[in-house]
Every structure is written in C-alpha cells, then in structure tokens.
PDB file of N, CA and C in Angstrom:
ATOM      1  N   MET A   1       2.163 -17.881  31.008  1.00  0.00           N
ATOM      2  CA  MET A   1       1.460 -17.440  29.833  1.00  0.00           C
ATOM      3  C   MET A   1       2.428 -16.725  28.888  1.00  0.00           C
ATOM      4  N   LYS A   2       2.310 -17.041  27.628  1.00  0.00           N
ATOM      5  CA  LYS A   2       3.163 -16.445  26.603  1.00  0.00           C
ATOM      6  C   LYS A   2       2.666 -15.029  26.281  1.00  0.00           C
ATOM      7  N   PRO A   3       3.591 -14.049  26.201  1.00  0.00           N
ATOM      8  CA  PRO A   3       3.153 -12.682  25.874  1.00  0.00           C
ATOM      9  C   PRO A   3       2.666 -12.591  24.423  1.00  0.00           C
ATOM     10  N   PRO A   4       1.776 -11.664  24.156  1.00  0.00           N
ATOM     11  CA  PRO A   4       1.315 -11.475  22.769  1.00  0.00           C
ATOM     12  C   PRO A   4       2.486 -11.117  21.855  1.00  0.00           C
ATOM     13  N   ASP A   5       2.372 -11.507  20.602  1.00  0.00           N
ATOM     14  CA  ASP A   5       3.431 -11.276  19.620  1.00  0.00           C
ATOM     15  C   ASP A   5       2.923 -10.354  18.515  1.00  0.00           C
ATOM     16  N   LEU A   6       3.370  -9.126  18.541  1.00  0.00           N
ATOM     17  CA  LEU A   6       3.017  -8.182  17.477  1.00  0.00           C
ATOM     18  C   LEU A   6       4.044  -8.184  16.360  1.00  0.00           C
ATOM     19  N   TYR A   7       5.218  -8.746  16.637  1.00  0.00           N
ATOM     20  CA  TYR A   7       6.277  -8.735  15.629  1.00  0.00           C
ATOM     21  C   TYR A   7       5.920  -9.552  14.396  1.00  0.00           C
ATOM     22  N   THR A   8       5.198 -10.651  14.576  1.00  0.00           N
ATOM     23  CA  THR A   8       4.861 -11.494  13.435  1.00  0.00           C
ATOM     24  C   THR A   8       3.978 -10.740  12.444  1.00  0.00           C
ATOM     25  N   GLY A   9       2.927 -10.119  12.940  1.00  0.00           N
ATOM     26  CA  GLY A   9       2.052  -9.339  12.065  1.00  0.00           C
ATOM     27  C   GLY A   9       2.764  -8.131  11.486  1.00  0.00           C
ATOM     28  N   GLY A  10       3.573  -7.480  12.312  1.00  0.00           N
ATOM     29  CA  GLY A  10       4.339  -6.333  11.827  1.00  0.00           C
ATOM     30  C   GLY A  10       5.315  -6.733  10.738  1.00  0.00           C
ATOM     31  N   GLY A  11       5.923  -7.914  10.902  1.00  0.00           N
ATOM     32  CA  GLY A  11       6.840  -8.410   9.873  1.00  0.00           C
ATOM     33  C   GLY A  11       6.131  -8.686   8.569  1.00  0.00           C
ATOM     34  N   ALA A  12       4.918  -9.226   8.661  1.00  0.00           N
ATOM     35  CA  ALA A  12       4.145  -9.488   7.441  1.00  0.00           C
ATOM     36  C   ALA A  12       3.804  -8.184   6.732  1.00  0.00           C
ATOM     37  N   ILE A  13       3.461  -7.163   7.501  1.00  0.00           N
ATOM     38  CA  ILE A  13       3.151  -5.854   6.905  1.00  0.00           C
ATOM     39  C   ILE A  13       4.402  -5.260   6.280  1.00  0.00           C
ATOM     40  N   ARG A  14       5.541  -5.364   6.976  1.00  0.00           N
ATOM     41  CA  ARG A  14       6.801  -4.837   6.432  1.00  0.00           C
ATOM     42  C   ARG A  14       7.166  -5.527   5.119  1.00  0.00           C
ATOM     43  N   HIS A  15       7.026  -6.851   5.077  1.00  0.00           N
ATOM     44  CA  HIS A  15       7.335  -7.586   3.844  1.00  0.00           C
ATOM     45  C   HIS A  15       6.368  -7.199   2.720  1.00  0.00           C
ATOM     46  N   ALA A  16       5.107  -6.994   3.059  1.00  0.00           N
ATOM     47  CA  ALA A  16       4.133  -6.585   2.051  1.00  0.00           C
ATOM     48  C   ALA A  16       4.484  -5.206   1.488  1.00  0.00           C
ATOM     49  N   LEU A  17       4.911  -4.291   2.349  1.00  0.00           N
ATOM     50  CA  LEU A  17       5.321  -2.965   1.880  1.00  0.00           C
ATOM     51  C   LEU A  17       6.554  -3.077   0.982  1.00  0.00           C
ATOM     52  N   GLU A  18       7.510  -3.893   1.386  1.00  0.00           N
ATOM     53  CA  GLU A  18       8.707  -4.091   0.557  1.00  0.00           C
ATOM     54  C   GLU A  18       8.332  -4.671  -0.802  1.00  0.00           C
ATOM     55  N   ASP A  19       7.426  -5.634  -0.816  1.00  0.00           N
ATOM     56  CA  ASP A  19       6.966  -6.220  -2.078  1.00  0.00           C
ATOM     57  C   ASP A  19       6.264  -5.179  -2.942  1.00  0.00           C
ATOM     58  N   LEU A  20       5.405  -4.381  -2.319  1.00  0.00           N
ATOM     59  CA  LEU A  20       4.694  -3.336  -3.051  1.00  0.00           C
ATOM     60  C   LEU A  20       5.670  -2.358  -3.691  1.00  0.00           C
ATOM     61  N   LEU A  21       6.670  -1.938  -2.932  1.00  0.00           N
ATOM     62  CA  LEU A  21       7.648  -0.986  -3.468  1.00  0.00           C
ATOM     63  C   LEU A  21       8.497  -1.618  -4.576  1.00  0.00           C
ATOM     64  N   ARG A  22       8.860  -2.893  -4.401  1.00  0.00           N
ATOM     65  CA  ARG A  22       9.638  -3.576  -5.432  1.00  0.00           C
ATOM     66  C   ARG A  22       8.836  -3.708  -6.724  1.00  0.00           C
ATOM     67  N   VAL A  23       7.597  -4.151  -6.605  1.00  0.00           N
ATOM     68  CA  VAL A  23       6.749  -4.305  -7.785  1.00  0.00           C
ATOM     69  C   VAL A  23       6.469  -2.941  -8.406  1.00  0.00           C
ATOM     70  N   GLY A  24       6.310  -1.937  -7.571  1.00  0.00           N
ATOM     71  CA  GLY A  24       6.102  -0.586  -8.096  1.00  0.00           C
ATOM     72  C   GLY A  24       7.273  -0.114  -8.927  1.00  0.00           C
ATOM     73  N   GLU A  25       8.480  -0.383  -8.441  1.00  0.00           N
ATOM     74  CA  GLU A  25       9.675  -0.004  -9.205  1.00  0.00           C
ATOM     75  C   GLU A  25       9.752  -0.775 -10.516  1.00  0.00           C
ATOM     76  N   GLU A  26       9.415  -2.052 -10.466  1.00  0.00           N
ATOM     77  CA  GLU A  26       9.413  -2.849 -11.698  1.00  0.00           C
ATOM     78  C   GLU A  26       8.372  -2.317 -12.679  1.00  0.00           C
ATOM     79  N   ALA A  27       7.221  -1.939 -12.170  1.00  0.00           N
ATOM     80  CA  ALA A  27       6.163  -1.412 -13.037  1.00  0.00           C
ATOM     81  C   ALA A  27       6.576  -0.085 -13.661  1.00  0.00           C
ATOM     82  N   ARG A  28       7.269   0.728 -12.900  1.00  0.00           N
ATOM     83  CA  ARG A  28       7.680   2.037 -13.418  1.00  0.00           C
ATOM     84  C   ARG A  28       8.663   1.907 -14.585  1.00  0.00           C
ATOM     85  N   GLU A  29       9.380   0.782 -14.645  1.00  0.00           N
ATOM     86  CA  GLU A  29      10.299   0.581 -15.766  1.00  0.00           C
ATOM     87  C   GLU A  29       9.539   0.442 -17.085  1.00  0.00           C
ATOM     88  N   GLU A  30       8.352  -0.143 -17.033  1.00  0.00           N
ATOM     89  CA  GLU A  30       7.551  -0.368 -18.247  1.00  0.00           C
ATOM     90  C   GLU A  30       6.415   0.643 -18.396  1.00  0.00           C
ATOM     91  N   TRP A  31       5.898   1.116 -17.285  1.00  0.00           N
ATOM     92  CA  TRP A  31       4.725   1.989 -17.291  1.00  0.00           C
ATOM     93  C   TRP A  31       5.149   3.345 -16.749  1.00  0.00           C
ATOM     94  N   ASN A  32       5.576   4.204 -17.652  1.00  0.00           N
ATOM     95  CA  ASN A  32       6.158   5.472 -17.248  1.00  0.00           C
ATOM     96  C   ASN A  32       5.539   6.604 -18.053  1.00  0.00           C
ATOM     97  N   ASP A  33       4.278   6.901 -17.725  1.00  0.00           N
ATOM     98  CA  ASP A  33       3.588   8.003 -18.385  1.00  0.00           C
ATOM     99  C   ASP A  33       2.893   8.844 -17.316  1.00  0.00           C
ATOM    100  N   ALA A  34       2.117   9.818 -17.747  1.00  0.00           N
ATOM    101  CA  ALA A  34       1.447  10.712 -16.797  1.00  0.00           C
ATOM    102  C   ALA A  34       0.469   9.959 -15.905  1.00  0.00           C
ATOM    103  N   VAL A  35      -0.208   8.958 -16.457  1.00  0.00           N
ATOM    104  CA  VAL A  35      -1.170   8.181 -15.671  1.00  0.00           C
ATOM    105  C   VAL A  35      -0.445   7.395 -14.578  1.00  0.00           C
ATOM    106  N   SER A  36       0.678   6.766 -14.923  1.00  0.00           N
ATOM    107  CA  SER A  36       1.413   6.003 -13.918  1.00  0.00           C
ATOM    108  C   SER A  36       1.957   6.914 -12.828  1.00  0.00           C
ATOM    109  N   LYS A  37       2.466   8.068 -13.222  1.00  0.00           N
ATOM    110  CA  LYS A  37       2.989   9.006 -12.230  1.00  0.00           C
ATOM    111  C   LYS A  37       1.894   9.471 -11.289  1.00  0.00           C
ATOM    112  N   ALA A  38       0.723   9.752 -11.839  1.00  0.00           N
ATOM    113  CA  ALA A  38      -0.406  10.163 -10.999  1.00  0.00           C
ATOM    114  C   ALA A  38      -0.847   9.027 -10.082  1.00  0.00           C
ATOM    115  N   PHE A  39      -0.877   7.795 -10.609  1.00  0.00           N
ATOM    116  CA  PHE A  39      -1.271   6.646  -9.807  1.00  0.00           C
ATOM    117  C   PHE A  39      -0.351   6.482  -8.605  1.00  0.00           C
ATOM    118  N   PHE A  40       0.952   6.484  -8.848  1.00  0.00           N
ATOM    119  CA  PHE A  40       1.896   6.295  -7.752  1.00  0.00           C
ATOM    120  C   PHE A  40       1.863   7.479  -6.792  1.00  0.00           C
ATOM    121  N   ALA A  41       1.743   8.684  -7.324  1.00  0.00           N
ATOM    122  CA  ALA A  41       1.699   9.869  -6.463  1.00  0.00           C
ATOM    123  C   ALA A  41       0.440   9.903  -5.607  1.00  0.00           C
ATOM    124  N   ASP A  42      -0.683   9.455  -6.170  1.00  0.00           N
ATOM    125  CA  ASP A  42      -1.958   9.514  -5.449  1.00  0.00           C
ATOM    126  C   ASP A  42      -2.220   8.300  -4.572  1.00  0.00           C
ATOM    127  N   ARG A  43      -1.749   7.127  -4.980  1.00  0.00           N
ATOM    128  CA  ARG A  43      -2.146   5.886  -4.312  1.00  0.00           C
ATOM    129  C   ARG A  43      -1.032   5.195  -3.526  1.00  0.00           C
ATOM    130  N   ILE A  44       0.152   5.172  -4.061  1.00  0.00           N
ATOM    131  CA  ILE A  44       1.223   4.388  -3.429  1.00  0.00           C
ATOM    132  C   ILE A  44       2.090   5.249  -2.514  1.00  0.00           C
ATOM    133  N   ASP A  45       2.623   6.315  -3.047  1.00  0.00           N
ATOM    134  CA  ASP A  45       3.562   7.139  -2.284  1.00  0.00           C
ATOM    135  C   ASP A  45       2.992   7.639  -0.947  1.00  0.00           C
ATOM    136  N   PRO A  46       1.732   8.038  -0.879  1.00  0.00           N
ATOM    137  CA  PRO A  46       1.213   8.537   0.409  1.00  0.00           C
ATOM    138  C   PRO A  46       1.135   7.475   1.513  1.00  0.00           C
ATOM    139  N   ILE A  47       1.004   6.200   1.162  1.00  0.00           N
ATOM    140  CA  ILE A  47       0.849   5.198   2.212  1.00  0.00           C
ATOM    141  C   ILE A  47       2.173   4.752   2.819  1.00  0.00           C
ATOM    142  N   VAL A  48       3.269   4.996   2.128  1.00  0.00           N
ATOM    143  CA  VAL A  48       4.571   4.527   2.625  1.00  0.00           C
ATOM    144  C   VAL A  48       4.896   5.109   4.002  1.00  0.00           C
ATOM    145  N   PRO A  49       4.849   6.425   4.204  1.00  0.00           N
ATOM    146  CA  PRO A  49       5.167   6.930   5.548  1.00  0.00           C
ATOM    147  C   PRO A  49       4.134   6.511   6.595  1.00  0.00           C
ATOM    148  N   ILE A  50       2.894   6.338   6.195  1.00  0.00           N
ATOM    149  CA  ILE A  50       1.858   5.899   7.131  1.00  0.00           C
ATOM    150  C   ILE A  50       2.163   4.488   7.622  1.00  0.00           C
ATOM    151  N   VAL A  51       2.511   3.603   6.698  1.00  0.00           N
ATOM    152  CA  VAL A  51       2.826   2.223   7.070  1.00  0.00           C
ATOM    153  C   VAL A  51       4.092   2.186   7.917  1.00  0.00           C
ATOM    154  N   LYS A  52       5.097   2.974   7.562  1.00  0.00           N
ATOM    155  CA  LYS A  52       6.331   2.997   8.347  1.00  0.00           C
ATOM    156  C   LYS A  52       6.069   3.493   9.771  1.00  0.00           C
ATOM    157  N   ASN A  53       5.235   4.514   9.913  1.00  0.00           N
ATOM    158  CA  ASN A  53       4.879   4.988  11.254  1.00  0.00           C
ATOM    159  C   ASN A  53       4.125   3.917  12.031  1.00  0.00           C
ATOM    160  N   ALA A  54       3.233   3.214  11.358  1.00  0.00           N
ATOM    161  CA  ALA A  54       2.489   2.135  12.015  1.00  0.00           C
ATOM    162  C   ALA A  54       3.439   1.031  12.469  1.00  0.00           C
ATOM    163  N   LEU A  55       4.402   0.692  11.647  1.00  0.00           N
ATOM    164  CA  LEU A  55       5.367  -0.347  12.026  1.00  0.00           C
ATOM    165  C   LEU A  55       6.217   0.089  13.214  1.00  0.00           C
ATOM    166  N   ASP A  56       6.582   1.360  13.260  1.00  0.00           N
ATOM    167  CA  ASP A  56       7.304   1.877  14.427  1.00  0.00           C
ATOM    168  C   ASP A  56       6.435   1.753  15.678  1.00  0.00           C
ATOM    169  N   ALA A  57       5.157   2.066  15.546  1.00  0.00           N
ATOM    170  CA  ALA A  57       4.235   1.963  16.676  1.00  0.00           C
ATOM    171  C   ALA A  57       4.079   0.513  17.125  1.00  0.00           C
ATOM    172  N   VAL A  58       4.045  -0.407  16.176  1.00  0.00           N
ATOM    173  CA  VAL A  58       3.955  -1.830  16.518  1.00  0.00           C
ATOM    174  C   VAL A  58       5.180  -2.235  17.343  1.00  0.00           C
ATOM    175  N   GLY A  59       6.342  -1.799  16.927  1.00  0.00           N
ATOM    176  CA  GLY A  59       7.564  -2.127  17.664  1.00  0.00           C
ATOM    177  C   GLY A  59       7.541  -1.561  19.075  1.00  0.00           C
ATOM    178  N   ARG A  60       7.116  -0.308  19.213  1.00  0.00           N
ATOM    179  CA  ARG A  60       7.039   0.297  20.541  1.00  0.00           C
ATOM    180  C   ARG A  60       6.003  -0.413  21.403  1.00  0.00           C
ATOM    181  N   MET A  61       4.861  -0.747  20.810  1.00  0.00           N
ATOM    182  CA  MET A  61       3.808  -1.430  21.550  1.00  0.00           C
ATOM    183  C   MET A  61       4.270  -2.810  22.001  1.00  0.00           C
ATOM    184  N   GLN A  62       5.001  -3.512  21.156  1.00  0.00           N
ATOM    185  CA  GLN A  62       5.512  -4.831  21.540  1.00  0.00           C
ATOM    186  C   GLN A  62       6.427  -4.719  22.753  1.00  0.00           C
ATOM    187  N   LEU A  63       7.261  -3.696  22.780  1.00  0.00           N
ATOM    188  CA  LEU A  63       8.136  -3.501  23.933  1.00  0.00           C
ATOM    189  C   LEU A  63       7.333  -3.230  25.197  1.00  0.00           C
ATOM    190  N   LEU A  64       6.290  -2.409  25.093  1.00  0.00           N
ATOM    191  CA  LEU A  64       5.448  -2.115  26.253  1.00  0.00           C
ATOM    192  C   LEU A  64       4.704  -3.360  26.731  1.00  0.00           C
ATOM    193  N   ILE A  65       4.211  -4.139  25.799  1.00  0.00           N
ATOM    194  CA  ILE A  65       3.500  -5.372  26.160  1.00  0.00           C
ATOM    195  C   ILE A  65       4.452  -6.346  26.851  1.00  0.00           C
ATOM    196  N   ALA A  66       5.648  -6.481  26.318  1.00  0.00           N
ATOM    197  CA  ALA A  66       6.631  -7.386  26.926  1.00  0.00           C
ATOM    198  C   ALA A  66       6.983  -6.921  28.339  1.00  0.00           C
ATOM    199  N   GLU A  67       7.134  -5.629  28.516  1.00  0.00           N
ATOM    200  CA  GLU A  67       7.439  -5.092  29.841  1.00  0.00           C
ATOM    201  C   GLU A  67       6.282  -5.341  30.810  1.00  0.00           C
ATOM    202  N   ALA A  68       5.067  -5.106  30.355  1.00  0.00           N
ATOM    203  CA  ALA A  68       3.907  -5.351  31.208  1.00  0.00           C
ATOM    204  C   ALA A  68       3.798  -6.836  31.558  1.00  0.00           C
ATOM    205  N   HIS A  69       4.096  -7.680  30.592  1.00  0.00           N
ATOM    206  CA  HIS A  69       4.038  -9.124  30.833  1.00  0.00           C
ATOM    207  C   HIS A  69       5.070  -9.520  31.892  1.00  0.00           C
ATOM    208  N   ARG A  70       6.266  -8.990  31.793  1.00  0.00           N
ATOM    209  CA  ARG A  70       7.300  -9.288  32.796  1.00  0.00           C
ATOM    210  C   ARG A  70       6.869  -8.804  34.182  1.00  0.00           C
ATOM    211  N   ASP A  71       6.286  -7.617  34.230  1.00  0.00           N
ATOM    212  CA  ASP A  71       5.832  -7.061  35.517  1.00  0.00           C
ATOM    213  C   ASP A  71       4.735  -7.925  36.125  1.00  0.00           C
ATOM    214  N   MET A  72       3.860  -8.455  35.314  1.00  0.00           N
ATOM    215  CA  MET A  72       2.765  -9.286  35.827  1.00  0.00           C
ATOM    216  C   MET A  72       3.272 -10.641  36.320  1.00  0.00           C
ATOM    217  N   GLU A  73       4.329 -11.139  35.706  1.00  0.00           N
ATOM    218  CA  GLU A  73       4.860 -12.441  36.116  1.00  0.00           C
ATOM    219  C   GLU A  73       5.685 -12.372  37.395  1.00  0.00           C
ATOM    220  N   GLY A  74       6.352 -11.265  37.580  1.00  0.00           N
ATOM    221  CA  GLY A  74       7.295 -11.282  38.668  1.00  0.00           C
ATOM    222  C   GLY A  74       7.094 -10.240  39.647  1.00  0.00           C
TER     223      GLY A  74
END
C-alpha cells in the first residue's frame, strides 16, 4: 500500500501563498494608500505566519506518516 502524500497538497498551498505575496507586491506598486495599507495589514499579513506554520506541520506530519507506514510494512 502506498503511504498518504501530504506533500502534494502542501506544495499547492505553498505555491498559492507565493502567488498571493507576489500579486500583493505588484498591487502595492499601484495601490499605495491608507486603504491598501489597512487591507494588507488586516487581511494578508496576518495569514502569512499561520500558513507557514501549517506548512511546517504538514511536513512534520508527512514524516510521521511515512515512519508509521514503514513500521506497519516491516
């Protein structure tokens, strides 16, 4: 039996975060007023560390799952 793969979903989330940050930087070049600063401060900036922590947890969980899978096989 093939072990579960969390890396694929985690990779998609990582790429989505990278895209969000890239587009955010592009938007800030054109949209740089008090409203934009509040938007990024309230909506975008707070989720970055949360997503990064979640991605770290996905990586750790994948390692644990792989280890459990090896233990069950052998």
